[in-house]
Amino acid sequence: MFISNAYAQAAPAAAESASMSSTLTSMLPLVLMFVVLYFIMIRPQMKKQKEHRAMIDALAKGDEVVTAGGMLGRIVSVSDGALGVQIANGVEVQMQRSAVVQVLPKGTIK
């Protein structure tokens, strides 16, 4: 009588593209944050790890090194996974190669 019947109509095609556009727009900040995070944190860390691995592989007898524990010493023996480091006259310790943090210039340790 006073209320007419309501029938469903097909949605216009523009509404679907607007929905896709809003989804992409809402994901854009997340993608940008990941890109910034990659260039600020992940990439420099990977570069640092690569340099450390190259330094560890290049260790040789006679190199003067600093260990992760802060000890300074001279490498007296080298094997696959371990190093013999002389930390004082007559005192030699065995440690893992990965414990070396820095290679010092020759003549640093007297």
PDB file of N, CA and C in Angstrom:
ATOM      1  N   MET A   1       0.798  -1.178   0.000  1.00  0.00           N
ATOM      2  CA  MET A   1       0.000   0.000   0.000  1.00  0.00           C
ATOM      3  C   MET A   1       0.851   1.257   0.000  1.00  0.00           C
ATOM      4  N   PHE A   2       1.354   1.646   1.181  1.00  0.00           N
ATOM      5  CA  PHE A   2       2.151   2.849   1.224  1.00  0.00           C
ATOM      6  C   PHE A   2       3.641   2.562   0.965  1.00  0.00           C
ATOM      7  N   ILE A   3       4.077   1.317   1.231  1.00  0.00           N
ATOM      8  CA  ILE A   3       5.486   0.961   1.069  1.00  0.00           C
ATOM      9  C   ILE A   3       5.622   0.158  -0.209  1.00  0.00           C
ATOM     10  N   SER A   4       6.533   0.610  -1.079  1.00  0.00           N
ATOM     11  CA  SER A   4       6.733  -0.117  -2.328  1.00  0.00           C
ATOM     12  C   SER A   4       7.774  -1.211  -2.130  1.00  0.00           C
ATOM     13  N   ASN A   5       7.748  -2.194  -2.972  1.00  0.00           N
ATOM     14  CA  ASN A   5       8.696  -3.304  -2.878  1.00  0.00           C
ATOM     15  C   ASN A   5      10.081  -2.833  -3.314  1.00  0.00           C
ATOM     16  N   ALA A   6      11.131  -3.322  -2.588  1.00  0.00           N
ATOM     17  CA  ALA A   6      12.521  -2.983  -2.938  1.00  0.00           C
ATOM     18  C   ALA A   6      13.144  -4.199  -3.587  1.00  0.00           C
ATOM     19  N   TYR A   7      13.724  -4.008  -4.739  1.00  0.00           N
ATOM     20  CA  TYR A   7      14.374  -5.096  -5.452  1.00  0.00           C
ATOM     21  C   TYR A   7      15.875  -4.829  -5.513  1.00  0.00           C
ATOM     22  N   ALA A   8      16.658  -5.929  -5.409  1.00  0.00           N
ATOM     23  CA  ALA A   8      18.123  -5.796  -5.459  1.00  0.00           C
ATOM     24  C   ALA A   8      18.549  -5.416  -6.871  1.00  0.00           C
ATOM     25  N   GLN A   9      19.524  -4.542  -6.948  1.00  0.00           N
ATOM     26  CA  GLN A   9      20.041  -4.130  -8.240  1.00  0.00           C
ATOM     27  C   GLN A   9      21.510  -4.502  -8.324  1.00  0.00           C
ATOM     28  N   ALA A  10      22.013  -4.643  -9.499  1.00  0.00           N
ATOM     29  CA  ALA A  10      23.429  -4.963  -9.690  1.00  0.00           C
ATOM     30  C   ALA A  10      24.252  -3.741  -9.304  1.00  0.00           C
ATOM     31  N   ALA A  11      25.353  -4.006  -8.589  1.00  0.00           N
ATOM     32  CA  ALA A  11      26.227  -2.906  -8.172  1.00  0.00           C
ATOM     33  C   ALA A  11      26.978  -2.383  -9.393  1.00  0.00           C
ATOM     34  N   PRO A  12      27.196  -1.109  -9.446  1.00  0.00           N
ATOM     35  CA  PRO A  12      27.941  -0.559 -10.587  1.00  0.00           C
ATOM     36  C   PRO A  12      29.399  -1.036 -10.557  1.00  0.00           C
ATOM     37  N   ALA A  13      30.014  -1.151 -11.701  1.00  0.00           N
ATOM     38  CA  ALA A  13      31.395  -1.644 -11.816  1.00  0.00           C
ATOM     39  C   ALA A  13      32.387  -0.703 -11.142  1.00  0.00           C
ATOM     40  N   ALA A  14      32.085   0.553 -11.064  1.00  0.00           N
ATOM     41  CA  ALA A  14      32.999   1.526 -10.455  1.00  0.00           C
ATOM     42  C   ALA A  14      33.185   1.251  -8.965  1.00  0.00           C
ATOM     43  N   ALA A  15      32.206   0.685  -8.313  1.00  0.00           N
ATOM     44  CA  ALA A  15      32.305   0.406  -6.883  1.00  0.00           C
ATOM     45  C   ALA A  15      33.365  -0.654  -6.610  1.00  0.00           C
ATOM     46  N   GLU A  16      33.491  -1.655  -7.507  1.00  0.00           N
ATOM     47  CA  GLU A  16      34.499  -2.693  -7.316  1.00  0.00           C
ATOM     48  C   GLU A  16      35.902  -2.125  -7.469  1.00  0.00           C
ATOM     49  N   SER A  17      36.130  -1.296  -8.448  1.00  0.00           N
ATOM     50  CA  SER A  17      37.467  -0.729  -8.648  1.00  0.00           C
ATOM     51  C   SER A  17      37.812   0.232  -7.522  1.00  0.00           C
ATOM     52  N   ALA A  18      36.815   0.910  -6.972  1.00  0.00           N
ATOM     53  CA  ALA A  18      37.066   1.800  -5.842  1.00  0.00           C
ATOM     54  C   ALA A  18      37.457   0.983  -4.618  1.00  0.00           C
ATOM     55  N   SER A  19      36.864  -0.182  -4.456  1.00  0.00           N
ATOM     56  CA  SER A  19      37.198  -1.057  -3.338  1.00  0.00           C
ATOM     57  C   SER A  19      38.632  -1.566  -3.468  1.00  0.00           C
ATOM     58  N   MET A  20      39.054  -1.960  -4.674  1.00  0.00           N
ATOM     59  CA  MET A  20      40.423  -2.417  -4.914  1.00  0.00           C
ATOM     60  C   MET A  20      41.406  -1.280  -4.674  1.00  0.00           C
ATOM     61  N   SER A  21      41.049  -0.112  -5.106  1.00  0.00           N
ATOM     62  CA  SER A  21      41.908   1.059  -4.932  1.00  0.00           C
ATOM     63  C   SER A  21      42.102   1.372  -3.453  1.00  0.00           C
ATOM     64  N   SER A  22      41.050   1.289  -2.669  1.00  0.00           N
ATOM     65  CA  SER A  22      41.172   1.586  -1.241  1.00  0.00           C
ATOM     66  C   SER A  22      41.988   0.510  -0.529  1.00  0.00           C
ATOM     67  N   THR A  23      41.896  -0.736  -0.987  1.00  0.00           N
ATOM     68  CA  THR A  23      42.700  -1.811  -0.401  1.00  0.00           C
ATOM     69  C   THR A  23      44.173  -1.575  -0.671  1.00  0.00           C
ATOM     70  N   LEU A  24      44.520  -1.230  -1.903  1.00  0.00           N
ATOM     71  CA  LEU A  24      45.914  -0.953  -2.242  1.00  0.00           C
ATOM     72  C   LEU A  24      46.433   0.268  -1.492  1.00  0.00           C
ATOM     73  N   THR A  25      45.602   1.262  -1.354  1.00  0.00           N
ATOM     74  CA  THR A  25      46.002   2.473  -0.638  1.00  0.00           C
ATOM     75  C   THR A  25      46.238   2.180   0.842  1.00  0.00           C
ATOM     76  N   SER A  26      45.437   1.301   1.420  1.00  0.00           N
ATOM     77  CA  SER A  26      45.619   0.981   2.832  1.00  0.00           C
ATOM     78  C   SER A  26      46.855   0.110   3.055  1.00  0.00           C
ATOM     79  N   MET A  27      47.299  -0.658   2.047  1.00  0.00           N
ATOM     80  CA  MET A  27      48.493  -1.492   2.175  1.00  0.00           C
ATOM     81  C   MET A  27      49.779  -0.724   1.875  1.00  0.00           C
ATOM     82  N   LEU A  28      49.684   0.396   1.218  1.00  0.00           N
ATOM     83  CA  LEU A  28      50.858   1.173   0.823  1.00  0.00           C
ATOM     84  C   LEU A  28      51.743   1.571   2.003  1.00  0.00           C
ATOM     85  N   PRO A  29      51.223   2.075   3.122  1.00  0.00           N
ATOM     86  CA  PRO A  29      52.103   2.401   4.251  1.00  0.00           C
ATOM     87  C   PRO A  29      52.855   1.189   4.801  1.00  0.00           C
ATOM     88  N   LEU A  30      52.215   0.034   4.827  1.00  0.00           N
ATOM     89  CA  LEU A  30      52.868  -1.183   5.303  1.00  0.00           C
ATOM     90  C   LEU A  30      54.029  -1.573   4.387  1.00  0.00           C
ATOM     91  N   VAL A  31      53.818  -1.496   3.100  1.00  0.00           N
ATOM     92  CA  VAL A  31      54.875  -1.813   2.135  1.00  0.00           C
ATOM     93  C   VAL A  31      56.016  -0.813   2.259  1.00  0.00           C
ATOM     94  N   LEU A  32      55.694   0.464   2.383  1.00  0.00           N
ATOM     95  CA  LEU A  32      56.730   1.485   2.528  1.00  0.00           C
ATOM     96  C   LEU A  32      57.537   1.288   3.810  1.00  0.00           C
ATOM     97  N   MET A  33      56.876   0.901   4.897  1.00  0.00           N
ATOM     98  CA  MET A  33      57.585   0.647   6.154  1.00  0.00           C
ATOM     99  C   MET A  33      58.553  -0.517   5.999  1.00  0.00           C
ATOM    100  N   PHE A  34      58.138  -1.572   5.299  1.00  0.00           N
ATOM    101  CA  PHE A  34      59.023  -2.708   5.090  1.00  0.00           C
ATOM    102  C   PHE A  34      60.239  -2.315   4.251  1.00  0.00           C
ATOM    103  N   VAL A  35      60.042  -1.523   3.218  1.00  0.00           N
ATOM    104  CA  VAL A  35      61.154  -1.079   2.366  1.00  0.00           C
ATOM    105  C   VAL A  35      62.142  -0.246   3.175  1.00  0.00           C
ATOM    106  N   VAL A  36      61.646   0.676   3.972  1.00  0.00           N
ATOM    107  CA  VAL A  36      62.518   1.503   4.813  1.00  0.00           C
ATOM    108  C   VAL A  36      63.244   0.633   5.834  1.00  0.00           C
ATOM    109  N   LEU A  37      62.557  -0.298   6.455  1.00  0.00           N
ATOM    110  CA  LEU A  37      63.162  -1.209   7.423  1.00  0.00           C
ATOM    111  C   LEU A  37      64.275  -2.021   6.771  1.00  0.00           C
ATOM    112  N   TYR A  38      64.048  -2.477   5.550  1.00  0.00           N
ATOM    113  CA  TYR A  38      65.059  -3.263   4.840  1.00  0.00           C
ATOM    114  C   TYR A  38      66.331  -2.443   4.640  1.00  0.00           C
ATOM    115  N   PHE A  39      66.194  -1.208   4.150  1.00  0.00           N
ATOM    116  CA  PHE A  39      67.374  -0.401   3.844  1.00  0.00           C
ATOM    117  C   PHE A  39      68.052   0.169   5.078  1.00  0.00           C
ATOM    118  N   ILE A  40      67.326   0.337   6.178  1.00  0.00           N
ATOM    119  CA  ILE A  40      67.926   0.911   7.385  1.00  0.00           C
ATOM    120  C   ILE A  40      68.494  -0.163   8.313  1.00  0.00           C
ATOM    121  N   MET A  41      67.851  -1.329   8.408  1.00  0.00           N
ATOM    122  CA  MET A  41      68.286  -2.333   9.382  1.00  0.00           C
ATOM    123  C   MET A  41      68.795  -3.627   8.761  1.00  0.00           C
ATOM    124  N   ILE A  42      68.040  -4.227   7.879  1.00  0.00           N
ATOM    125  CA  ILE A  42      68.360  -5.563   7.400  1.00  0.00           C
ATOM    126  C   ILE A  42      69.586  -5.557   6.493  1.00  0.00           C
ATOM    127  N   ARG A  43      69.627  -4.679   5.518  1.00  0.00           N
ATOM    128  CA  ARG A  43      70.739  -4.656   4.566  1.00  0.00           C
ATOM    129  C   ARG A  43      72.080  -4.341   5.224  1.00  0.00           C
ATOM    130  N   PRO A  44      72.184  -3.324   6.094  1.00  0.00           N
ATOM    131  CA  PRO A  44      73.470  -3.083   6.763  1.00  0.00           C
ATOM    132  C   PRO A  44      73.913  -4.247   7.645  1.00  0.00           C
ATOM    133  N   GLN A  45      72.975  -4.926   8.298  1.00  0.00           N
ATOM    134  CA  GLN A  45      73.334  -6.067   9.138  1.00  0.00           C
ATOM    135  C   GLN A  45      73.878  -7.206   8.292  1.00  0.00           C
ATOM    136  N   MET A  46      73.282  -7.455   7.137  1.00  0.00           N
ATOM    137  CA  MET A  46      73.775  -8.507   6.251  1.00  0.00           C
ATOM    138  C   MET A  46      75.175  -8.170   5.740  1.00  0.00           C
ATOM    139  N   LYS A  47      75.408  -6.899   5.445  1.00  0.00           N
ATOM    140  CA  LYS A  47      76.731  -6.465   4.981  1.00  0.00           C
ATOM    141  C   LYS A  47      77.778  -6.657   6.084  1.00  0.00           C
ATOM    142  N   LYS A  48      77.412  -6.321   7.308  1.00  0.00           N
ATOM    143  CA  LYS A  48      78.326  -6.479   8.441  1.00  0.00           C
ATOM    144  C   LYS A  48      78.657  -7.952   8.667  1.00  0.00           C
ATOM    145  N   GLN A  49      77.661  -8.831   8.573  1.00  0.00           N
ATOM    146  CA  GLN A  49      77.893 -10.265   8.736  1.00  0.00           C
ATOM    147  C   GLN A  49      78.814 -10.799   7.646  1.00  0.00           C
ATOM    148  N   LYS A  50      78.640 -10.323   6.436  1.00  0.00           N
ATOM    149  CA  LYS A  50      79.482 -10.765   5.319  1.00  0.00           C
ATOM    150  C   LYS A  50      80.932 -10.341   5.542  1.00  0.00           C
ATOM    151  N   GLU A  51      81.151  -9.113   6.007  1.00  0.00           N
ATOM    152  CA  GLU A  51      82.503  -8.634   6.289  1.00  0.00           C
ATOM    153  C   GLU A  51      83.136  -9.435   7.425  1.00  0.00           C
ATOM    154  N   HIS A  52      82.374  -9.750   8.473  1.00  0.00           N
ATOM    155  CA  HIS A  52      82.890 -10.521   9.607  1.00  0.00           C
ATOM    156  C   HIS A  52      83.276 -11.930   9.154  1.00  0.00           C
ATOM    157  N   ARG A  53      82.446 -12.553   8.321  1.00  0.00           N
ATOM    158  CA  ARG A  53      82.740 -13.887   7.815  1.00  0.00           C
ATOM    159  C   ARG A  53      84.025 -13.884   6.990  1.00  0.00           C
ATOM    160  N   ALA A  54      84.222 -12.844   6.168  1.00  0.00           N
ATOM    161  CA  ALA A  54      85.446 -12.729   5.374  1.00  0.00           C
ATOM    162  C   ALA A  54      86.665 -12.555   6.281  1.00  0.00           C
ATOM    163  N   MET A  55      86.528 -11.764   7.345  1.00  0.00           N
ATOM    164  CA  MET A  55      87.629 -11.563   8.290  1.00  0.00           C
ATOM    165  C   MET A  55      87.982 -12.884   8.986  1.00  0.00           C
ATOM    166  N   ILE A  56      86.981 -13.638   9.404  1.00  0.00           N
ATOM    167  CA  ILE A  56      87.200 -14.920  10.085  1.00  0.00           C
ATOM    168  C   ILE A  56      87.909 -15.906   9.146  1.00  0.00           C
ATOM    169  N   ASP A  57      87.501 -15.934   7.899  1.00  0.00           N
ATOM    170  CA  ASP A  57      88.114 -16.845   6.930  1.00  0.00           C
ATOM    171  C   ASP A  57      89.562 -16.471   6.620  1.00  0.00           C
ATOM    172  N   ALA A  58      89.909 -15.191   6.769  1.00  0.00           N
ATOM    173  CA  ALA A  58      91.251 -14.718   6.427  1.00  0.00           C
ATOM    174  C   ALA A  58      92.233 -14.779   7.600  1.00  0.00           C
ATOM    175  N   LEU A  59      91.805 -15.248   8.769  1.00  0.00           N
ATOM    176  CA  LEU A  59      92.713 -15.303   9.918  1.00  0.00           C
ATOM    177  C   LEU A  59      93.888 -16.230   9.636  1.00  0.00           C
ATOM    178  N   ALA A  60      95.074 -15.788  10.044  1.00  0.00           N
ATOM    179  CA  ALA A  60      96.277 -16.582   9.810  1.00  0.00           C
ATOM    180  C   ALA A  60      97.180 -16.512  11.036  1.00  0.00           C
ATOM    181  N   LYS A  61      98.137 -17.399  11.086  1.00  0.00           N
ATOM    182  CA  LYS A  61      99.100 -17.447  12.183  1.00  0.00           C
ATOM    183  C   LYS A  61      99.879 -16.135  12.212  1.00  0.00           C
ATOM    184  N   GLY A  62     100.022 -15.564  13.411  1.00  0.00           N
ATOM    185  CA  GLY A  62     100.748 -14.312  13.582  1.00  0.00           C
ATOM    186  C   GLY A  62      99.856 -13.081  13.645  1.00  0.00           C
ATOM    187  N   ASP A  63      98.575 -13.211  13.278  1.00  0.00           N
ATOM    188  CA  ASP A  63      97.654 -12.072  13.366  1.00  0.00           C
ATOM    189  C   ASP A  63      97.391 -11.735  14.827  1.00  0.00           C
ATOM    190  N   GLU A  64      97.258 -10.458  15.109  1.00  0.00           N
ATOM    191  CA  GLU A  64      96.910  -9.997  16.454  1.00  0.00           C
ATOM    192  C   GLU A  64      95.420  -9.670  16.456  1.00  0.00           C
ATOM    193  N   VAL A  65      94.716 -10.239  17.435  1.00  0.00           N
ATOM    194  CA  VAL A  65      93.257 -10.164  17.428  1.00  0.00           C
ATOM    195  C   VAL A  65      92.694  -9.729  18.771  1.00  0.00           C
ATOM    196  N   VAL A  66      91.449  -9.284  18.729  1.00  0.00           N
ATOM    197  CA  VAL A  66      90.657  -8.999  19.929  1.00  0.00           C
ATOM    198  C   VAL A  66      89.508  -9.993  19.926  1.00  0.00           C
ATOM    199  N   THR A  67      89.269 -10.641  21.066  1.00  0.00           N
ATOM    200  CA  THR A  67      88.188 -11.630  21.157  1.00  0.00           C
ATOM    201  C   THR A  67      86.909 -10.972  21.663  1.00  0.00           C
ATOM    202  N   ALA A  68      85.826 -11.735  21.597  1.00  0.00           N
ATOM    203  CA  ALA A  68      84.536 -11.231  22.073  1.00  0.00           C
ATOM    204  C   ALA A  68      84.566 -10.943  23.567  1.00  0.00           C
ATOM    205  N   GLY A  69      85.434 -11.626  24.304  1.00  0.00           N
ATOM    206  CA  GLY A  69      85.560 -11.395  25.742  1.00  0.00           C
ATOM    207  C   GLY A  69      86.456 -10.224  26.082  1.00  0.00           C
ATOM    208  N   GLY A  70      87.091  -9.633  25.065  1.00  0.00           N
ATOM    209  CA  GLY A  70      87.933  -8.474  25.290  1.00  0.00           C
ATOM    210  C   GLY A  70      89.413  -8.794  25.427  1.00  0.00           C
ATOM    211  N   MET A  71      89.791 -10.053  25.277  1.00  0.00           N
ATOM    212  CA  MET A  71      91.207 -10.416  25.381  1.00  0.00           C
ATOM    213  C   MET A  71      91.931 -10.086  24.085  1.00  0.00           C
ATOM    214  N   LEU A  72      93.166  -9.595  24.237  1.00  0.00           N
ATOM    215  CA  LEU A  72      94.027  -9.355  23.088  1.00  0.00           C
ATOM    216  C   LEU A  72      95.045 -10.478  23.029  1.00  0.00           C
ATOM    217  N   GLY A  73      95.350 -10.947  21.841  1.00  0.00           N
ATOM    218  CA  GLY A  73      96.327 -12.016  21.724  1.00  0.00           C
ATOM    219  C   GLY A  73      96.821 -12.175  20.303  1.00  0.00           C
ATOM    220  N   ARG A  74      97.819 -13.043  20.180  1.00  0.00           N
ATOM    221  CA  ARG A  74      98.424 -13.336  18.881  1.00  0.00           C
ATOM    222  C   ARG A  74      98.092 -14.775  18.522  1.00  0.00           C
ATOM    223  N   ILE A  75      97.646 -15.008  17.306  1.00  0.00           N
ATOM    224  CA  ILE A  75      97.298 -16.350  16.857  1.00  0.00           C
ATOM    225  C   ILE A  75      98.583 -17.155  16.662  1.00  0.00           C
ATOM    226  N   VAL A  76      98.662 -18.329  17.317  1.00  0.00           N
ATOM    227  CA  VAL A  76      99.835 -19.185  17.193  1.00  0.00           C
ATOM    228  C   VAL A  76      99.519 -20.483  16.461  1.00  0.00           C
ATOM    229  N   SER A  77      98.249 -20.867  16.401  1.00  0.00           N
ATOM    230  CA  SER A  77      97.871 -22.052  15.635  1.00  0.00           C
ATOM    231  C   SER A  77      96.462 -21.870  15.085  1.00  0.00           C
ATOM    232  N   VAL A  78      96.249 -22.432  13.893  1.00  0.00           N
ATOM    233  CA  VAL A  78      94.960 -22.296  13.219  1.00  0.00           C
ATOM    234  C   VAL A  78      94.491 -23.679  12.797  1.00  0.00           C
ATOM    235  N   SER A  79      93.248 -24.008  13.122  1.00  0.00           N
ATOM    236  CA  SER A  79      92.627 -25.239  12.623  1.00  0.00           C
ATOM    237  C   SER A  79      91.268 -24.861  12.035  1.00  0.00           C
ATOM    238  N   ASP A  80      90.492 -25.862  11.628  1.00  0.00           N
ATOM    239  CA  ASP A  80      89.224 -25.578  10.948  1.00  0.00           C
ATOM    240  C   ASP A  80      88.269 -24.731  11.782  1.00  0.00           C
ATOM    241  N   GLY A  81      88.007 -25.151  13.010  1.00  0.00           N
ATOM    242  CA  GLY A  81      87.022 -24.438  13.816  1.00  0.00           C
ATOM    243  C   GLY A  81      87.589 -23.704  15.005  1.00  0.00           C
ATOM    244  N   ALA A  82      88.896 -23.858  15.263  1.00  0.00           N
ATOM    245  CA  ALA A  82      89.463 -23.283  16.481  1.00  0.00           C
ATOM    246  C   ALA A  82      90.770 -22.558  16.177  1.00  0.00           C
ATOM    247  N   LEU A  83      91.144 -21.703  17.107  1.00  0.00           N
ATOM    248  CA  LEU A  83      92.399 -20.955  17.027  1.00  0.00           C
ATOM    249  C   LEU A  83      93.147 -21.135  18.342  1.00  0.00           C
ATOM    250  N   GLY A  84      94.453 -21.179  18.264  1.00  0.00           N
ATOM    251  CA  GLY A  84      95.274 -21.106  19.457  1.00  0.00           C
ATOM    252  C   GLY A  84      95.762 -19.676  19.578  1.00  0.00           C
ATOM    253  N   VAL A  85      95.404 -19.002  20.640  1.00  0.00           N
ATOM    254  CA  VAL A  85      95.745 -17.592  20.819  1.00  0.00           C
ATOM    255  C   VAL A  85      96.644 -17.453  22.043  1.00  0.00           C
ATOM    256  N   GLN A  86      97.797 -16.836  21.838  1.00  0.00           N
ATOM    257  CA  GLN A  86      98.729 -16.587  22.933  1.00  0.00           C
ATOM    258  C   GLN A  86      98.359 -15.236  23.543  1.00  0.00           C
ATOM    259  N   ILE A  87      97.928 -15.270  24.807  1.00  0.00           N
ATOM    260  CA  ILE A  87      97.502 -14.035  25.466  1.00  0.00           C
ATOM    261  C   ILE A  87      98.590 -13.469  26.367  1.00  0.00           C
ATOM    262  N   ALA A  88      99.609 -14.273  26.700  1.00  0.00           N
ATOM    263  CA  ALA A  88     100.772 -13.832  27.479  1.00  0.00           C
ATOM    264  C   ALA A  88     101.897 -14.819  27.171  1.00  0.00           C
ATOM    265  N   ASN A  89     103.109 -14.492  27.583  1.00  0.00           N
ATOM    266  CA  ASN A  89     104.226 -15.401  27.340  1.00  0.00           C
ATOM    267  C   ASN A  89     103.955 -16.733  28.015  1.00  0.00           C
ATOM    268  N   GLY A  90     103.908 -17.812  27.213  1.00  0.00           N
ATOM    269  CA  GLY A  90     103.684 -19.147  27.745  1.00  0.00           C
ATOM    270  C   GLY A  90     102.237 -19.476  28.042  1.00  0.00           C
ATOM    271  N   VAL A  91     101.308 -18.570  27.770  1.00  0.00           N
ATOM    272  CA  VAL A  91      99.885 -18.824  28.030  1.00  0.00           C
ATOM    273  C   VAL A  91      99.144 -18.837  26.691  1.00  0.00           C
ATOM    274  N   GLU A  92      98.661 -20.010  26.328  1.00  0.00           N
ATOM    275  CA  GLU A  92      97.925 -20.163  25.061  1.00  0.00           C
ATOM    276  C   GLU A  92      96.536 -20.717  25.363  1.00  0.00           C
ATOM    277  N   VAL A  93      95.537 -20.118  24.769  1.00  0.00           N
ATOM    278  CA  VAL A  93      94.162 -20.588  24.944  1.00  0.00           C
ATOM    279  C   VAL A  93      93.608 -20.999  23.581  1.00  0.00           C
ATOM    280  N   GLN A  94      92.708 -21.961  23.617  1.00  0.00           N
ATOM    281  CA  GLN A  94      92.015 -22.399  22.407  1.00  0.00           C
ATOM    282  C   GLN A  94      90.638 -21.752  22.398  1.00  0.00           C
ATOM    283  N   MET A  95      90.243 -21.228  21.266  1.00  0.00           N
ATOM    284  CA  MET A  95      88.923 -20.607  21.157  1.00  0.00           C
ATOM    285  C   MET A  95      88.369 -20.807  19.758  1.00  0.00           C
ATOM    286  N   GLN A  96      87.085 -20.629  19.642  1.00  0.00           N
ATOM    287  CA  GLN A  96      86.427 -20.746  18.350  1.00  0.00           C
ATOM    288  C   GLN A  96      86.798 -19.560  17.473  1.00  0.00           C
ATOM    289  N   ARG A  97      86.816 -19.803  16.176  1.00  0.00           N
ATOM    290  CA  ARG A  97      87.123 -18.717  15.234  1.00  0.00           C
ATOM    291  C   ARG A  97      86.112 -17.570  15.351  1.00  0.00           C
ATOM    292  N   SER A  98      84.858 -17.904  15.593  1.00  0.00           N
ATOM    293  CA  SER A  98      83.816 -16.883  15.644  1.00  0.00           C
ATOM    294  C   SER A  98      83.949 -15.957  16.847  1.00  0.00           C
ATOM    295  N   ALA A  99      84.812 -16.298  17.813  1.00  0.00           N
ATOM    296  CA  ALA A  99      85.005 -15.445  18.987  1.00  0.00           C
ATOM    297  C   ALA A  99      85.875 -14.239  18.672  1.00  0.00           C
ATOM    298  N   VAL A 100      86.524 -14.231  17.514  1.00  0.00           N
ATOM    299  CA  VAL A 100      87.365 -13.092  17.133  1.00  0.00           C
ATOM    300  C   VAL A 100      86.465 -11.972  16.634  1.00  0.00           C
ATOM    301  N   VAL A 101      86.659 -10.786  17.214  1.00  0.00           N
ATOM    302  CA  VAL A 101      85.838  -9.639  16.861  1.00  0.00           C
ATOM    303  C   VAL A 101      86.578  -8.686  15.920  1.00  0.00           C
ATOM    304  N   GLN A 102      87.882  -8.565  16.115  1.00  0.00           N
ATOM    305  CA  GLN A 102      88.641  -7.582  15.339  1.00  0.00           C
ATOM    306  C   GLN A 102      90.067  -8.078  15.149  1.00  0.00           C
ATOM    307  N   VAL A 103      90.642  -7.777  14.004  1.00  0.00           N
ATOM    308  CA  VAL A 103      92.049  -8.038  13.746  1.00  0.00           C
ATOM    309  C   VAL A 103      92.779  -6.704  13.897  1.00  0.00           C
ATOM    310  N   LEU A 104      93.805  -6.705  14.751  1.00  0.00           N
ATOM    311  CA  LEU A 104      94.561  -5.476  15.022  1.00  0.00           C
ATOM    312  C   LEU A 104      95.723  -5.344  14.046  1.00  0.00           C
ATOM    313  N   PRO A 105      96.218  -4.127  13.851  1.00  0.00           N
ATOM    314  CA  PRO A 105      97.412  -3.946  13.021  1.00  0.00           C
ATOM    315  C   PRO A 105      98.616  -4.627  13.685  1.00  0.00           C
ATOM    316  N   LYS A 106      99.553  -5.091  12.858  1.00  0.00           N
ATOM    317  CA  LYS A 106     100.751  -5.769  13.377  1.00  0.00           C
ATOM    318  C   LYS A 106     101.505  -4.826  14.298  1.00  0.00           C
ATOM    319  N   GLY A 107     102.014  -5.378  15.394  1.00  0.00           N
ATOM    320  CA  GLY A 107     102.801  -4.590  16.355  1.00  0.00           C
ATOM    321  C   GLY A 107     101.973  -3.895  17.415  1.00  0.00           C
ATOM    322  N   THR A 108     100.698  -4.099  17.454  1.00  0.00           N
ATOM    323  CA  THR A 108      99.836  -3.459  18.464  1.00  0.00           C
ATOM    324  C   THR A 108     100.121  -4.060  19.843  1.00  0.00           C
ATOM    325  N   ILE A 109     100.271  -5.367  19.881  1.00  0.00           N
ATOM    326  CA  ILE A 109     100.532  -6.063  21.154  1.00  0.00           C
ATOM    327  C   ILE A 109     102.032  -6.183  21.323  1.00  0.00           C
ATOM    328  N   LYS A 110     102.531  -5.753  22.487  1.00  0.00           N
ATOM    329  CA  LYS A 110     103.976  -5.809  22.731  1.00  0.00           C
ATOM    330  C   LYS A 110     104.314  -6.881  23.720  1.00  0.00           C
TER     331      LYS A 110
END
